[in-house]
């Protein structure tokens, strides 16, 4: 397996991993129609193509885990302050969990962001996400505070847990 910054050839794999990962992660938390709304908003081929070709400090692009020709994990984020960054998204192929893929993606992302000048890394995890919370806590993230969702009336019904760690 290789970990590297994604290019146009990885768009369909990113769409698949993020869509399937979203459905699996949030099936017990969000209504199915809301999950599909999020997928349609954030994980279309057109949007992902833009996000792999238009990158910089604010959005570092997707970092992917590729096994053979198949994308099995993807993450991305960017700088939110002069010395802080945020991991906005990380999903794995649901059948490839517990193989160390998430750890490798987080390490690659942390290095990318440190190269941009980040000293602190933030992540939001949906309250009740029993896959994400233990992962980030095991990686040294510390709980900071709760924050209401934003972007839509539906999103405002949910609470995110904000975590951070030094990188």
N, C-alpha and C. Protein backbone atom coordinates (compact mmCIF):
# COMPACT_ATOMS: atom_id res chain seq x y z
N UNK A 1 0.84 -1.18 0.00
CA UNK A 1 0.00 0.00 0.00
C UNK A 1 0.88 1.24 0.00
N UNK A 2 0.45 2.24 -0.76
CA UNK A 2 1.17 3.51 -0.84
C UNK A 2 0.27 4.65 -0.35
N UNK A 3 0.89 5.65 0.25
CA UNK A 3 0.19 6.85 0.73
C UNK A 3 0.79 8.04 0.01
N UNK A 4 -0.03 8.84 -0.67
CA UNK A 4 0.46 10.00 -1.40
C UNK A 4 -0.67 10.96 -1.72
N UNK A 5 -0.31 12.14 -2.20
CA UNK A 5 -1.29 13.15 -2.59
C UNK A 5 -2.02 12.67 -3.85
N UNK A 6 -3.33 12.75 -3.81
CA UNK A 6 -4.16 12.27 -4.91
C UNK A 6 -4.06 13.15 -6.15
N UNK A 7 -4.31 12.52 -7.27
CA UNK A 7 -4.41 13.21 -8.55
C UNK A 7 -5.72 12.86 -9.23
N UNK A 8 -5.95 13.35 -10.43
CA UNK A 8 -7.21 13.10 -11.13
C UNK A 8 -7.56 11.60 -11.28
N UNK A 9 -6.56 10.76 -11.39
CA UNK A 9 -6.83 9.33 -11.56
C UNK A 9 -7.47 8.71 -10.31
N UNK A 10 -7.45 9.41 -9.20
CA UNK A 10 -7.96 8.86 -7.95
C UNK A 10 -9.35 9.36 -7.58
N UNK A 11 -9.92 10.23 -8.42
CA UNK A 11 -11.20 10.87 -8.10
C UNK A 11 -12.30 9.84 -7.83
N UNK A 12 -12.49 8.90 -8.73
CA UNK A 12 -13.57 7.93 -8.55
C UNK A 12 -13.38 7.11 -7.29
N UNK A 13 -12.15 6.74 -6.97
CA UNK A 13 -11.88 6.00 -5.75
C UNK A 13 -12.17 6.81 -4.51
N UNK A 14 -11.85 8.11 -4.54
CA UNK A 14 -12.14 8.99 -3.40
C UNK A 14 -13.65 9.11 -3.22
N UNK A 15 -14.37 9.31 -4.31
CA UNK A 15 -15.83 9.40 -4.25
C UNK A 15 -16.39 8.13 -3.62
N UNK A 16 -15.92 6.97 -4.06
CA UNK A 16 -16.42 5.70 -3.54
C UNK A 16 -16.12 5.54 -2.05
N UNK A 17 -14.86 5.74 -1.68
CA UNK A 17 -14.46 5.55 -0.28
C UNK A 17 -15.18 6.53 0.64
N UNK A 18 -15.27 7.79 0.25
CA UNK A 18 -15.92 8.78 1.10
C UNK A 18 -17.43 8.55 1.19
N UNK A 19 -18.05 8.14 0.09
CA UNK A 19 -19.49 7.88 0.11
C UNK A 19 -19.81 6.65 0.95
N UNK A 20 -19.09 5.54 0.70
CA UNK A 20 -19.34 4.33 1.47
C UNK A 20 -18.97 4.52 2.93
N UNK A 21 -17.86 5.20 3.18
CA UNK A 21 -17.44 5.46 4.54
C UNK A 21 -18.44 6.32 5.29
N UNK A 22 -18.99 7.31 4.60
CA UNK A 22 -20.00 8.18 5.21
C UNK A 22 -21.24 7.38 5.58
N UNK A 23 -21.71 6.55 4.65
CA UNK A 23 -22.91 5.75 4.93
C UNK A 23 -22.69 4.82 6.12
N UNK A 24 -21.54 4.18 6.17
CA UNK A 24 -21.24 3.24 7.25
C UNK A 24 -21.06 3.95 8.58
N UNK A 25 -20.29 5.03 8.58
CA UNK A 25 -19.98 5.75 9.81
C UNK A 25 -21.22 6.34 10.46
N UNK A 26 -22.11 6.90 9.66
CA UNK A 26 -23.22 7.66 10.21
C UNK A 26 -24.57 6.97 10.17
N UNK A 27 -24.61 5.70 9.78
CA UNK A 27 -25.88 4.98 9.64
C UNK A 27 -26.72 4.98 10.92
N UNK A 28 -26.07 4.94 12.07
CA UNK A 28 -26.79 4.90 13.35
C UNK A 28 -26.96 6.30 13.96
N UNK A 29 -26.43 7.33 13.27
CA UNK A 29 -26.46 8.68 13.85
C UNK A 29 -27.41 9.60 13.08
N UNK A 30 -27.31 9.59 11.76
CA UNK A 30 -28.10 10.48 10.90
C UNK A 30 -29.18 9.72 10.16
N UNK A 31 -30.28 10.40 9.79
CA UNK A 31 -31.25 9.78 8.88
C UNK A 31 -30.61 9.54 7.51
N UNK A 32 -31.04 8.47 6.84
CA UNK A 32 -30.46 8.09 5.54
C UNK A 32 -30.53 9.22 4.52
N UNK A 33 -31.64 9.98 4.49
CA UNK A 33 -31.76 11.05 3.50
C UNK A 33 -30.75 12.17 3.77
N UNK A 34 -30.44 12.42 5.04
CA UNK A 34 -29.43 13.44 5.37
C UNK A 34 -28.03 12.96 4.95
N UNK A 35 -27.74 11.70 5.16
CA UNK A 35 -26.45 11.14 4.72
C UNK A 35 -26.30 11.32 3.21
N UNK A 36 -27.34 11.00 2.47
CA UNK A 36 -27.27 11.14 1.00
C UNK A 36 -27.14 12.59 0.59
N UNK A 37 -27.76 13.50 1.33
CA UNK A 37 -27.62 14.94 1.04
C UNK A 37 -26.16 15.37 1.21
N UNK A 38 -25.52 14.92 2.28
CA UNK A 38 -24.11 15.25 2.53
C UNK A 38 -23.23 14.68 1.42
N UNK A 39 -23.48 13.43 1.05
CA UNK A 39 -22.69 12.80 -0.02
C UNK A 39 -22.85 13.58 -1.32
N UNK A 40 -24.08 13.96 -1.64
CA UNK A 40 -24.33 14.72 -2.88
C UNK A 40 -23.67 16.09 -2.83
N UNK A 41 -23.56 16.67 -1.65
CA UNK A 41 -22.94 17.99 -1.50
C UNK A 41 -21.42 17.94 -1.59
N UNK A 42 -20.80 16.96 -0.94
CA UNK A 42 -19.35 16.96 -0.79
C UNK A 42 -18.58 15.92 -1.60
N UNK A 43 -19.24 14.86 -2.08
CA UNK A 43 -18.49 13.75 -2.67
C UNK A 43 -18.93 13.41 -4.09
N UNK A 44 -19.10 14.45 -4.91
CA UNK A 44 -19.37 14.24 -6.33
C UNK A 44 -18.06 14.22 -7.09
N UNK A 45 -18.06 13.60 -8.26
CA UNK A 45 -16.84 13.56 -9.09
C UNK A 45 -16.35 14.96 -9.43
N UNK A 46 -17.28 15.87 -9.72
CA UNK A 46 -16.89 17.23 -10.10
C UNK A 46 -16.20 17.95 -8.94
N UNK A 47 -16.79 17.86 -7.76
CA UNK A 47 -16.20 18.54 -6.60
C UNK A 47 -14.84 17.93 -6.25
N UNK A 48 -14.76 16.61 -6.23
CA UNK A 48 -13.50 15.95 -5.87
C UNK A 48 -12.43 16.27 -6.91
N UNK A 49 -12.79 16.34 -8.19
CA UNK A 49 -11.82 16.71 -9.23
C UNK A 49 -11.25 18.10 -8.93
N UNK A 50 -12.12 19.04 -8.59
CA UNK A 50 -11.65 20.38 -8.21
C UNK A 50 -10.72 20.30 -7.01
N UNK A 51 -11.07 19.46 -6.04
CA UNK A 51 -10.30 19.39 -4.81
C UNK A 51 -8.97 18.64 -4.95
N UNK A 52 -8.80 17.88 -6.00
CA UNK A 52 -7.48 17.26 -6.22
C UNK A 52 -6.61 18.10 -7.15
N UNK A 53 -7.22 19.03 -7.86
CA UNK A 53 -6.44 19.83 -8.82
C UNK A 53 -6.20 21.27 -8.35
N UNK A 54 -6.98 21.75 -7.40
CA UNK A 54 -6.84 23.12 -6.91
C UNK A 54 -6.49 23.07 -5.43
N UNK A 55 -5.20 23.01 -5.16
CA UNK A 55 -4.75 22.83 -3.77
C UNK A 55 -3.81 23.95 -3.36
N UNK A 56 -3.63 24.08 -2.08
CA UNK A 56 -2.74 25.08 -1.49
C UNK A 56 -2.79 24.92 0.01
N UNK A 57 -2.41 25.96 0.73
CA UNK A 57 -2.39 25.87 2.19
C UNK A 57 -3.78 25.69 2.79
N UNK A 58 -4.77 26.40 2.25
CA UNK A 58 -6.12 26.34 2.83
C UNK A 58 -6.79 24.99 2.59
N UNK A 59 -6.46 24.34 1.51
CA UNK A 59 -6.93 22.98 1.21
C UNK A 59 -5.75 22.26 0.58
N UNK A 60 -5.15 21.36 1.33
CA UNK A 60 -3.95 20.67 0.87
C UNK A 60 -4.19 19.58 -0.14
N UNK A 61 -5.45 19.37 -0.51
CA UNK A 61 -5.79 18.29 -1.42
C UNK A 61 -6.06 17.01 -0.65
N UNK A 62 -6.46 15.99 -1.36
CA UNK A 62 -6.67 14.69 -0.73
C UNK A 62 -5.37 13.92 -0.68
N UNK A 63 -5.16 13.25 0.43
CA UNK A 63 -4.10 12.26 0.55
C UNK A 63 -4.81 10.92 0.52
N UNK A 64 -4.29 10.00 -0.28
CA UNK A 64 -4.95 8.71 -0.45
C UNK A 64 -4.06 7.56 -0.04
N UNK A 65 -4.71 6.48 0.35
CA UNK A 65 -4.06 5.20 0.55
C UNK A 65 -4.50 4.34 -0.62
N UNK A 66 -3.53 3.87 -1.39
CA UNK A 66 -3.83 3.09 -2.59
C UNK A 66 -3.18 1.71 -2.45
N UNK A 67 -4.01 0.68 -2.62
CA UNK A 67 -3.54 -0.70 -2.57
C UNK A 67 -3.71 -1.27 -3.97
N UNK A 68 -2.58 -1.49 -4.65
CA UNK A 68 -2.65 -1.87 -6.06
C UNK A 68 -3.12 -0.67 -6.86
N UNK A 69 -4.29 -0.77 -7.43
CA UNK A 69 -4.89 0.35 -8.17
C UNK A 69 -6.07 0.96 -7.42
N UNK A 70 -6.41 0.38 -6.26
CA UNK A 70 -7.64 0.75 -5.56
C UNK A 70 -7.38 1.72 -4.42
N UNK A 71 -8.17 2.82 -4.40
CA UNK A 71 -8.16 3.75 -3.27
C UNK A 71 -8.89 3.07 -2.11
N UNK A 72 -8.19 2.93 -0.98
CA UNK A 72 -8.78 2.27 0.19
C UNK A 72 -8.95 3.24 1.36
N UNK A 73 -8.49 4.47 1.18
CA UNK A 73 -8.65 5.50 2.21
C UNK A 73 -8.32 6.85 1.65
N UNK A 74 -8.91 7.89 2.24
CA UNK A 74 -8.66 9.26 1.77
C UNK A 74 -8.87 10.22 2.94
N UNK A 75 -8.05 11.27 2.95
CA UNK A 75 -8.22 12.32 3.95
C UNK A 75 -7.80 13.65 3.34
N UNK A 76 -8.22 14.72 3.97
CA UNK A 76 -7.83 16.04 3.50
C UNK A 76 -8.21 17.13 4.49
N UNK A 77 -7.58 18.26 4.33
CA UNK A 77 -7.85 19.41 5.18
C UNK A 77 -6.92 20.53 4.80
N UNK A 78 -6.75 21.47 5.72
CA UNK A 78 -5.88 22.60 5.41
C UNK A 78 -5.67 23.52 6.58
N UNK A 79 -4.92 24.55 6.32
CA UNK A 79 -4.57 25.53 7.34
C UNK A 79 -5.80 26.38 7.69
N UNK A 80 -6.01 26.60 9.00
CA UNK A 80 -7.11 27.43 9.46
C UNK A 80 -6.60 28.67 10.19
N UNK A 81 -5.31 28.72 10.44
CA UNK A 81 -4.64 29.87 11.06
C UNK A 81 -3.16 29.77 10.68
N UNK A 82 -2.40 30.77 11.07
CA UNK A 82 -0.98 30.79 10.70
C UNK A 82 -0.24 29.55 11.17
N UNK A 83 -0.63 29.01 12.33
CA UNK A 83 0.09 27.86 12.88
C UNK A 83 -0.84 26.69 13.25
N UNK A 84 -2.04 26.66 12.66
CA UNK A 84 -2.99 25.60 12.97
C UNK A 84 -3.66 25.10 11.70
N UNK A 85 -3.92 23.80 11.67
CA UNK A 85 -4.62 23.21 10.54
C UNK A 85 -5.76 22.35 11.05
N UNK A 86 -6.61 21.92 10.11
CA UNK A 86 -7.73 21.06 10.47
C UNK A 86 -7.85 19.93 9.47
N UNK A 87 -8.06 18.75 10.00
CA UNK A 87 -8.39 17.58 9.19
C UNK A 87 -9.90 17.63 9.00
N UNK A 88 -10.34 17.89 7.77
CA UNK A 88 -11.76 18.03 7.50
C UNK A 88 -12.44 16.70 7.20
N UNK A 89 -11.71 15.78 6.61
CA UNK A 89 -12.33 14.54 6.16
C UNK A 89 -11.31 13.40 6.22
N UNK A 90 -11.78 12.26 6.70
CA UNK A 90 -11.01 11.02 6.60
C UNK A 90 -11.99 9.85 6.58
N UNK A 91 -11.90 9.07 5.51
CA UNK A 91 -12.72 7.87 5.40
C UNK A 91 -11.87 6.75 4.86
N UNK A 92 -12.23 5.54 5.29
CA UNK A 92 -11.59 4.33 4.80
C UNK A 92 -12.64 3.46 4.14
N UNK A 93 -12.20 2.60 3.24
CA UNK A 93 -13.08 1.57 2.71
C UNK A 93 -13.58 0.79 3.93
N UNK A 94 -14.90 0.66 4.11
CA UNK A 94 -15.42 0.01 5.32
C UNK A 94 -14.88 -1.40 5.56
N UNK A 95 -14.52 -2.13 4.52
CA UNK A 95 -14.00 -3.49 4.72
C UNK A 95 -12.49 -3.50 5.01
N UNK A 96 -11.85 -2.32 5.02
CA UNK A 96 -10.40 -2.23 5.24
C UNK A 96 -10.04 -1.57 6.56
N UNK A 97 -10.96 -1.50 7.49
CA UNK A 97 -10.66 -0.89 8.79
C UNK A 97 -9.77 -1.80 9.62
N UNK A 98 -9.09 -1.20 10.58
CA UNK A 98 -8.21 -1.91 11.51
C UNK A 98 -7.00 -2.54 10.83
N UNK A 99 -6.52 -1.90 9.76
CA UNK A 99 -5.30 -2.35 9.07
C UNK A 99 -4.18 -1.32 9.18
N UNK A 100 -4.41 -0.24 9.93
CA UNK A 100 -3.40 0.81 10.06
C UNK A 100 -3.46 1.87 8.97
N UNK A 101 -4.45 1.79 8.10
CA UNK A 101 -4.57 2.74 6.99
C UNK A 101 -4.83 4.15 7.52
N UNK A 102 -5.75 4.28 8.46
CA UNK A 102 -6.06 5.59 9.03
C UNK A 102 -4.85 6.22 9.70
N UNK A 103 -4.07 5.42 10.39
CA UNK A 103 -2.86 5.92 11.04
C UNK A 103 -1.87 6.45 10.01
N UNK A 104 -1.69 5.72 8.93
CA UNK A 104 -0.76 6.16 7.88
C UNK A 104 -1.25 7.43 7.20
N UNK A 105 -2.55 7.51 6.96
CA UNK A 105 -3.10 8.74 6.37
C UNK A 105 -2.91 9.93 7.30
N UNK A 106 -3.20 9.74 8.58
CA UNK A 106 -3.05 10.82 9.55
C UNK A 106 -1.60 11.28 9.63
N UNK A 107 -0.66 10.35 9.61
CA UNK A 107 0.76 10.70 9.65
C UNK A 107 1.16 11.52 8.42
N UNK A 108 0.71 11.11 7.24
CA UNK A 108 1.04 11.83 6.00
C UNK A 108 0.41 13.22 6.02
N UNK A 109 -0.84 13.31 6.47
CA UNK A 109 -1.52 14.60 6.54
C UNK A 109 -0.81 15.52 7.53
N UNK A 110 -0.45 15.00 8.69
CA UNK A 110 0.23 15.80 9.71
C UNK A 110 1.55 16.35 9.19
N UNK A 111 2.28 15.52 8.45
CA UNK A 111 3.55 15.98 7.86
C UNK A 111 3.29 17.09 6.84
N UNK A 112 2.32 16.90 5.97
CA UNK A 112 1.98 17.93 4.98
C UNK A 112 1.67 19.25 5.67
N UNK A 113 0.85 19.19 6.71
CA UNK A 113 0.43 20.41 7.39
C UNK A 113 1.58 21.04 8.18
N UNK A 114 2.43 20.23 8.78
CA UNK A 114 3.62 20.75 9.47
C UNK A 114 4.52 21.47 8.47
N UNK A 115 4.62 20.93 7.25
CA UNK A 115 5.41 21.59 6.21
C UNK A 115 4.83 22.95 5.84
N UNK A 116 3.51 23.11 6.01
CA UNK A 116 2.86 24.41 5.76
C UNK A 116 3.01 25.35 6.95
N UNK A 117 3.52 24.85 8.08
CA UNK A 117 3.73 25.68 9.26
C UNK A 117 2.82 25.37 10.43
N UNK A 118 1.98 24.36 10.31
CA UNK A 118 1.08 24.02 11.40
C UNK A 118 1.84 23.45 12.59
N UNK A 119 1.44 23.89 13.75
CA UNK A 119 1.97 23.34 15.00
C UNK A 119 0.86 22.63 15.78
N UNK A 120 -0.38 22.94 15.42
CA UNK A 120 -1.54 22.34 16.08
C UNK A 120 -2.48 21.81 15.00
N UNK A 121 -3.05 20.64 15.25
CA UNK A 121 -3.99 20.01 14.32
C UNK A 121 -5.33 19.82 15.03
N UNK A 122 -6.38 20.30 14.38
CA UNK A 122 -7.74 20.18 14.89
C UNK A 122 -8.53 19.15 14.08
N UNK A 123 -9.52 18.55 14.71
CA UNK A 123 -10.46 17.67 14.01
C UNK A 123 -11.80 17.75 14.74
N UNK A 124 -12.88 17.66 13.98
CA UNK A 124 -14.23 17.57 14.55
C UNK A 124 -14.73 16.16 14.34
N UNK A 125 -15.30 15.59 15.38
CA UNK A 125 -15.85 14.24 15.30
C UNK A 125 -17.30 14.31 15.76
N UNK A 126 -18.18 13.74 14.98
CA UNK A 126 -19.59 13.75 15.33
C UNK A 126 -19.81 13.05 16.67
N UNK A 127 -20.55 13.69 17.55
CA UNK A 127 -20.90 13.05 18.82
C UNK A 127 -21.60 11.73 18.50
N UNK A 128 -21.17 10.66 19.14
CA UNK A 128 -21.75 9.34 18.87
C UNK A 128 -20.98 8.53 17.84
N UNK A 129 -19.97 9.12 17.20
CA UNK A 129 -19.17 8.40 16.20
C UNK A 129 -18.19 7.50 16.92
N UNK A 130 -18.60 6.26 17.17
CA UNK A 130 -17.79 5.34 17.94
C UNK A 130 -16.69 4.68 17.14
N UNK A 131 -16.51 5.09 15.89
CA UNK A 131 -15.34 4.69 15.11
C UNK A 131 -14.28 5.78 15.20
N UNK A 132 -14.69 7.02 15.04
CA UNK A 132 -13.77 8.14 15.00
C UNK A 132 -13.22 8.54 16.36
N UNK A 133 -14.08 8.63 17.36
CA UNK A 133 -13.65 9.13 18.67
C UNK A 133 -12.51 8.29 19.25
N UNK A 134 -12.64 6.97 19.34
CA UNK A 134 -11.53 6.19 19.91
C UNK A 134 -10.25 6.28 19.07
N UNK A 135 -10.40 6.37 17.75
CA UNK A 135 -9.23 6.49 16.87
C UNK A 135 -8.44 7.76 17.20
N UNK A 136 -9.12 8.91 17.19
CA UNK A 136 -8.42 10.17 17.42
C UNK A 136 -7.86 10.26 18.85
N UNK A 137 -8.60 9.76 19.82
CA UNK A 137 -8.07 9.77 21.18
C UNK A 137 -6.82 8.90 21.28
N UNK A 138 -6.82 7.75 20.61
CA UNK A 138 -5.64 6.87 20.62
C UNK A 138 -4.44 7.52 19.93
N UNK A 139 -4.69 8.47 19.04
CA UNK A 139 -3.62 9.15 18.31
C UNK A 139 -3.16 10.41 19.04
N UNK A 140 -3.64 10.62 20.25
CA UNK A 140 -3.15 11.74 21.06
C UNK A 140 -3.97 13.01 20.99
N UNK A 141 -5.10 12.98 20.30
CA UNK A 141 -5.97 14.16 20.27
C UNK A 141 -6.64 14.33 21.62
N UNK A 142 -6.81 15.59 22.03
CA UNK A 142 -7.39 15.93 23.31
C UNK A 142 -8.71 16.66 23.06
N UNK A 143 -9.75 16.26 23.78
CA UNK A 143 -11.04 16.91 23.66
C UNK A 143 -10.94 18.37 24.10
N UNK A 144 -11.51 19.27 23.30
CA UNK A 144 -11.53 20.69 23.63
C UNK A 144 -12.93 21.16 24.03
N UNK A 145 -13.90 20.96 23.12
CA UNK A 145 -15.24 21.47 23.39
C UNK A 145 -16.24 20.89 22.40
N UNK A 146 -17.52 21.09 22.71
CA UNK A 146 -18.60 20.69 21.80
C UNK A 146 -18.97 21.89 20.94
N UNK A 147 -19.46 21.59 19.74
CA UNK A 147 -19.85 22.65 18.81
C UNK A 147 -21.05 22.17 18.00
N UNK A 148 -22.05 23.02 17.87
CA UNK A 148 -23.21 22.68 17.05
C UNK A 148 -22.80 22.60 15.58
N UNK A 149 -23.47 21.73 14.83
CA UNK A 149 -23.24 21.65 13.40
C UNK A 149 -23.65 22.94 12.73
N UNK A 150 -23.19 23.13 11.51
CA UNK A 150 -23.53 24.35 10.77
C UNK A 150 -23.66 24.04 9.29
N UNK A 151 -24.28 24.92 8.57
CA UNK A 151 -24.42 24.76 7.13
C UNK A 151 -25.84 24.49 6.68
N UNK A 152 -26.67 23.96 7.59
CA UNK A 152 -28.07 23.71 7.25
C UNK A 152 -28.86 23.52 8.54
N UNK A 153 -30.19 23.60 8.43
CA UNK A 153 -31.03 23.37 9.60
C UNK A 153 -30.82 21.97 10.14
N UNK A 154 -30.69 20.99 9.24
CA UNK A 154 -30.48 19.61 9.66
C UNK A 154 -29.15 19.48 10.40
N UNK A 155 -28.10 20.09 9.88
CA UNK A 155 -26.78 19.99 10.51
C UNK A 155 -26.79 20.58 11.92
N UNK A 156 -27.58 21.62 12.12
CA UNK A 156 -27.63 22.28 13.43
C UNK A 156 -28.26 21.42 14.51
N UNK A 157 -28.88 20.30 14.13
CA UNK A 157 -29.47 19.38 15.10
C UNK A 157 -28.41 18.50 15.77
N UNK A 158 -27.21 18.49 15.22
CA UNK A 158 -26.17 17.58 15.68
C UNK A 158 -25.02 18.33 16.33
N UNK A 159 -24.25 17.61 17.13
CA UNK A 159 -23.14 18.21 17.86
C UNK A 159 -21.84 17.53 17.48
N UNK A 160 -20.83 18.33 17.18
CA UNK A 160 -19.49 17.84 16.92
C UNK A 160 -18.64 18.00 18.17
N UNK A 161 -17.72 17.10 18.33
CA UNK A 161 -16.74 17.18 19.40
C UNK A 161 -15.44 17.67 18.78
N UNK A 162 -14.89 18.74 19.32
CA UNK A 162 -13.65 19.33 18.78
C UNK A 162 -12.47 18.79 19.57
N UNK A 163 -11.51 18.23 18.83
CA UNK A 163 -10.28 17.70 19.39
C UNK A 163 -9.09 18.39 18.75
N UNK A 164 -7.96 18.40 19.47
CA UNK A 164 -6.72 18.98 18.93
C UNK A 164 -5.52 18.19 19.45
N UNK A 165 -4.41 18.36 18.74
CA UNK A 165 -3.13 17.85 19.22
C UNK A 165 -2.01 18.68 18.60
N UNK A 166 -0.89 18.70 19.25
CA UNK A 166 0.30 19.35 18.70
C UNK A 166 0.93 18.42 17.67
N UNK A 167 1.46 19.04 16.60
CA UNK A 167 2.17 18.23 15.61
C UNK A 167 3.57 18.77 15.42
